[in-house]
C-alpha atoms as a PDB file:
ATOM      1  CA  MET A   1     110.168  89.387  87.255  1.00  0.00           C
ATOM      2  CA  PRO A   2     109.653  92.367  84.939  1.00  0.00           C
ATOM      3  CA  TYR A   3     106.839  92.179  82.437  1.00  0.00           C
ATOM      4  CA  HIS A   4     107.035  93.515  78.907  1.00  0.00           C
ATOM      5  CA  LEU A   5     103.983  94.372  76.808  1.00  0.00           C
ATOM      6  CA  ARG A   6     103.556  95.852  73.348  1.00  0.00           C
ATOM      7  CA  PHE A   7     100.841  98.486  72.821  1.00  0.00           C
ATOM      8  CA  PHE A   8      99.171  98.672  69.400  1.00  0.00           C
ATOM      9  CA  PHE A   9      95.763  98.395  67.807  1.00  0.00           C
ATOM     10  CA  GLU A  10      94.771  95.650  65.379  1.00  0.00           C
ATOM     11  CA  CYS A  11      91.751  95.505  63.107  1.00  0.00           C
ATOM     12  CA  GLY A  12      89.666  92.487  64.029  1.00  0.00           C
ATOM     13  CA  VAL A  13      90.839  92.586  67.676  1.00  0.00           C
ATOM     14  CA  PRO A  14      88.214  94.762  69.364  1.00  0.00           C
ATOM     15  CA  HIS A  15      89.047  94.168  73.040  1.00  0.00           C
ATOM     16  CA  THR A  16      92.742  94.759  73.774  1.00  0.00           C
ATOM     17  CA  PRO A  17      95.685  96.796  72.475  1.00  0.00           C
ATOM     18  CA  LEU A  18      98.199  94.805  74.536  1.00  0.00           C
ATOM     19  CA  TRP A  19     100.359  91.899  73.436  1.00  0.00           C
ATOM     20  CA  PRO A  20     103.188  90.089  75.200  1.00  0.00           C
ATOM     21  CA  GLY A  21     106.648  91.218  74.195  1.00  0.00           C
ATOM     22  CA  PRO A  22     109.280  92.322  73.559  1.00  0.00           C
ATOM     23  CA  SER A  23     109.150  92.369  69.776  1.00  0.00           C
ATOM     24  CA  GLY A  24     110.980  89.390  68.342  1.00  0.00           C
ATOM     25  CA  ALA A  25     110.932  87.383  71.576  1.00  0.00           C
ATOM     26  CA  PRO A  26     110.832  83.617  70.914  1.00  0.00           C
ATOM     27  CA  ASP A  27     108.138  82.940  73.521  1.00  0.00           C
ATOM     28  CA  LEU A  28     105.335  85.469  73.532  1.00  0.00           C
ATOM     29  CA  ASP A  29     102.998  83.473  75.742  1.00  0.00           C
ATOM     30  CA  GLY A  30     102.694  84.883  79.209  1.00  0.00           C
ATOM     31  CA  PRO A  31     100.422  84.810  82.210  1.00  0.00           C
ATOM     32  CA  TYR A  32      98.143  87.447  80.671  1.00  0.00           C
ATOM     33  CA  GLY A  33      97.436  85.746  77.318  1.00  0.00           C
ATOM     34  CA  SER A  34      98.252  86.608  73.734  1.00  0.00           C
ATOM     35  CA  PRO A  35      96.727  89.068  73.080  1.00  0.00           C
ATOM     36  CA  CYS A  36      96.613  90.134  76.733  1.00  0.00           C
ATOM     37  CA  GLU A  37      93.355  89.845  78.578  1.00  0.00           C
ATOM     38  CA  LEU A  38      92.781  93.224  80.191  1.00  0.00           C
ATOM     39  CA  ASP A  39      90.807  91.821  83.112  1.00  0.00           C
ATOM     40  CA  LEU A  40      93.908  89.848  84.199  1.00  0.00           C
ATOM     41  CA  LEU A  41      96.136  92.928  84.396  1.00  0.00           C
ATOM     42  CA  PRO A  42      96.550  94.969  87.598  1.00  0.00           C
ATOM     43  CA  ILE A  43      94.761  98.058  86.197  1.00  0.00           C
ATOM     44  CA  THR A  44      91.642  99.901  87.256  1.00  0.00           C
ATOM     45  CA  PRO A  45      88.253  99.096  85.735  1.00  0.00           C
ATOM     46  CA  ASP A  46      88.174 102.636  84.290  1.00  0.00           C
ATOM     47  CA  THR A  47      91.439 102.056  82.414  1.00  0.00           C
ATOM     48  CA  ARG A  48      90.249  98.676  81.168  1.00  0.00           C
ATOM     49  CA  ILE A  49      87.027 100.249  79.852  1.00  0.00           C
ATOM     50  CA  ARG A  50      89.003 103.085  78.261  1.00  0.00           C
ATOM     51  CA  LEU A  51      91.330 100.662  76.449  1.00  0.00           C
ATOM     52  CA  GLU A  52      88.433  98.493  75.282  1.00  0.00           C
ATOM     53  CA  GLY A  53      86.652 101.593  73.979  1.00  0.00           C
ATOM     54  CA  LEU A  54      89.731 102.658  72.019  1.00  0.00           C
ATOM     55  CA  CYS A  55      89.959  99.177  70.482  1.00  0.00           C
ATOM     56  CA  GLU A  56      86.330  99.304  69.423  1.00  0.00           C
ATOM     57  CA  TRP A  57      86.804 102.816  68.032  1.00  0.00           C
ATOM     58  CA  TYR A  58      89.887 101.674  66.097  1.00  0.00           C
ATOM     59  CA  GLN A  59      87.766  99.127  64.222  1.00  0.00           C
ATOM     60  CA  SER A  60      86.107 102.045  62.403  1.00  0.00           C
ATOM     61  CA  SER A  61      89.490 103.076  60.939  1.00  0.00           C
ATOM     62  CA  LEU A  62      89.180 100.306  58.348  1.00  0.00           C
ATOM     63  CA  ASP A  63      86.760 100.288  55.442  1.00  0.00           C
ATOM     64  CA  TRP A  64      85.570  96.718  55.969  1.00  0.00           C
ATOM     65  CA  ASP A  65      84.082  96.652  52.436  1.00  0.00           C
ATOM     66  CA  ASP A  66      87.478  97.614  50.959  1.00  0.00           C
ATOM     67  CA  PRO A  67      90.170  96.668  53.505  1.00  0.00           C
ATOM     68  CA  GLY A  68      93.005  97.523  51.106  1.00  0.00           C
ATOM     69  CA  GLY A  69      91.568 100.953  50.391  1.00  0.00           C
ATOM     70  CA  PRO A  70      92.030 104.195  52.277  1.00  0.00           C
ATOM     71  CA  SER A  71      90.823 104.632  55.822  1.00  0.00           C
ATOM     72  CA  PRO A  72      87.423 106.278  56.194  1.00  0.00           C
ATOM     73  CA  TRP A  73      88.896 108.425  58.979  1.00  0.00           C
ATOM     74  CA  SER A  74      89.721 112.038  58.299  1.00  0.00           C
ATOM     75  CA  GLU A  75      93.076 113.427  59.420  1.00  0.00           C
ATOM     76  CA  GLU A  76      91.256 115.111  62.317  1.00  0.00           C
ATOM     77  CA  GLN A  77      89.697 111.802  63.413  1.00  0.00           C
ATOM     78  CA  ARG A  78      93.086 110.058  63.277  1.00  0.00           C
ATOM     79  CA  GLU A  79      94.699 112.828  65.338  1.00  0.00           C
ATOM     80  CA  GLN A  80      91.874 112.696  67.889  1.00  0.00           C
ATOM     81  CA  PHE A  81      92.264 108.922  68.207  1.00  0.00           C
ATOM     82  CA  ASP A  82      96.046 109.261  68.589  1.00  0.00           C
ATOM     83  CA  ARG A  83      95.639 111.846  71.376  1.00  0.00           C
ATOM     84  CA  GLN A  84      93.221 109.579  73.232  1.00  0.00           C
ATOM     85  CA  ALA A  85      95.527 106.576  72.771  1.00  0.00           C
ATOM     86  CA  ASP A  86      98.529 108.604  74.019  1.00  0.00           C
ATOM     87  CA  GLY A  87      96.606 109.484  77.180  1.00  0.00           C
ATOM     88  CA  ALA A  88      95.491 105.898  77.728  1.00  0.00           C
ATOM     89  CA  LEU A  89      99.062 104.626  77.296  1.00  0.00           C
ATOM     90  CA  GLU A  90     100.339 107.152  79.839  1.00  0.00           C
ATOM     91  CA  THR A  91      97.659 106.082  82.335  1.00  0.00           C
ATOM     92  CA  LEU A  92      98.383 102.401  81.705  1.00  0.00           C
ATOM     93  CA  ARG A  93     102.104 102.831  82.317  1.00  0.00           C
ATOM     94  CA  ARG A  94     101.434 104.759  85.520  1.00  0.00           C
ATOM     95  CA  GLU A  95      99.021 102.125  86.849  1.00  0.00           C
ATOM     96  CA  LEU A  96     101.262  99.163  85.996  1.00  0.00           C
ATOM     97  CA  GLY A  97     104.265 100.805  87.624  1.00  0.00           C
ATOM     98  CA  ASP A  98     107.989 100.144  87.576  1.00  0.00           C
ATOM     99  CA  GLY A  99     107.856  96.360  87.162  1.00  0.00           C
ATOM    100  CA  TRP A 100     106.379  96.741  83.688  1.00  0.00           C
ATOM    101  CA  THR A 101     107.590  97.949  80.318  1.00  0.00           C
ATOM    102  CA  VAL A 102     104.900  98.945  77.837  1.00  0.00           C
ATOM    103  CA  GLU A 103     106.430  99.381  74.387  1.00  0.00           C
ATOM    104  CA  ASP A 104     104.497 101.740  72.099  1.00  0.00           C
ATOM    105  CA  ARG A 105     104.356  99.850  68.789  1.00  0.00           C
ATOM    106  CA  ARG A 106     101.602 101.894  67.111  1.00  0.00           C
ATOM    107  CA  HIS A 107     104.045 103.427  64.649  1.00  0.00           C
ATOM    108  CA  PRO A 108     106.899 100.932  64.239  1.00  0.00           C
ATOM    109  CA  SER A 109     109.997 102.321  62.567  1.00  0.00           C
END
């Protein structure tokens, strides 16, 4: 059975960037939780720590005193985060292998 996950970061969710999918599916509950619990996925501890670190880092992209205001991140900080997230997504896809689809939903169109 192929598994489908969505990859995106959410303010207030500091531990995982993975959610069951695909987008619009009627039943998003799966064996890995919603949002997905990283320790249940067949990935290395290093990848799990890397993803958790990115989630924690992402929390600083929001001005918690003015959530509707601009991000406190500079353009350089946003680009650095995006590069790190791109690398983590590539590693995640490689570790999960062919039985998995990981949909990048960071910048939905």
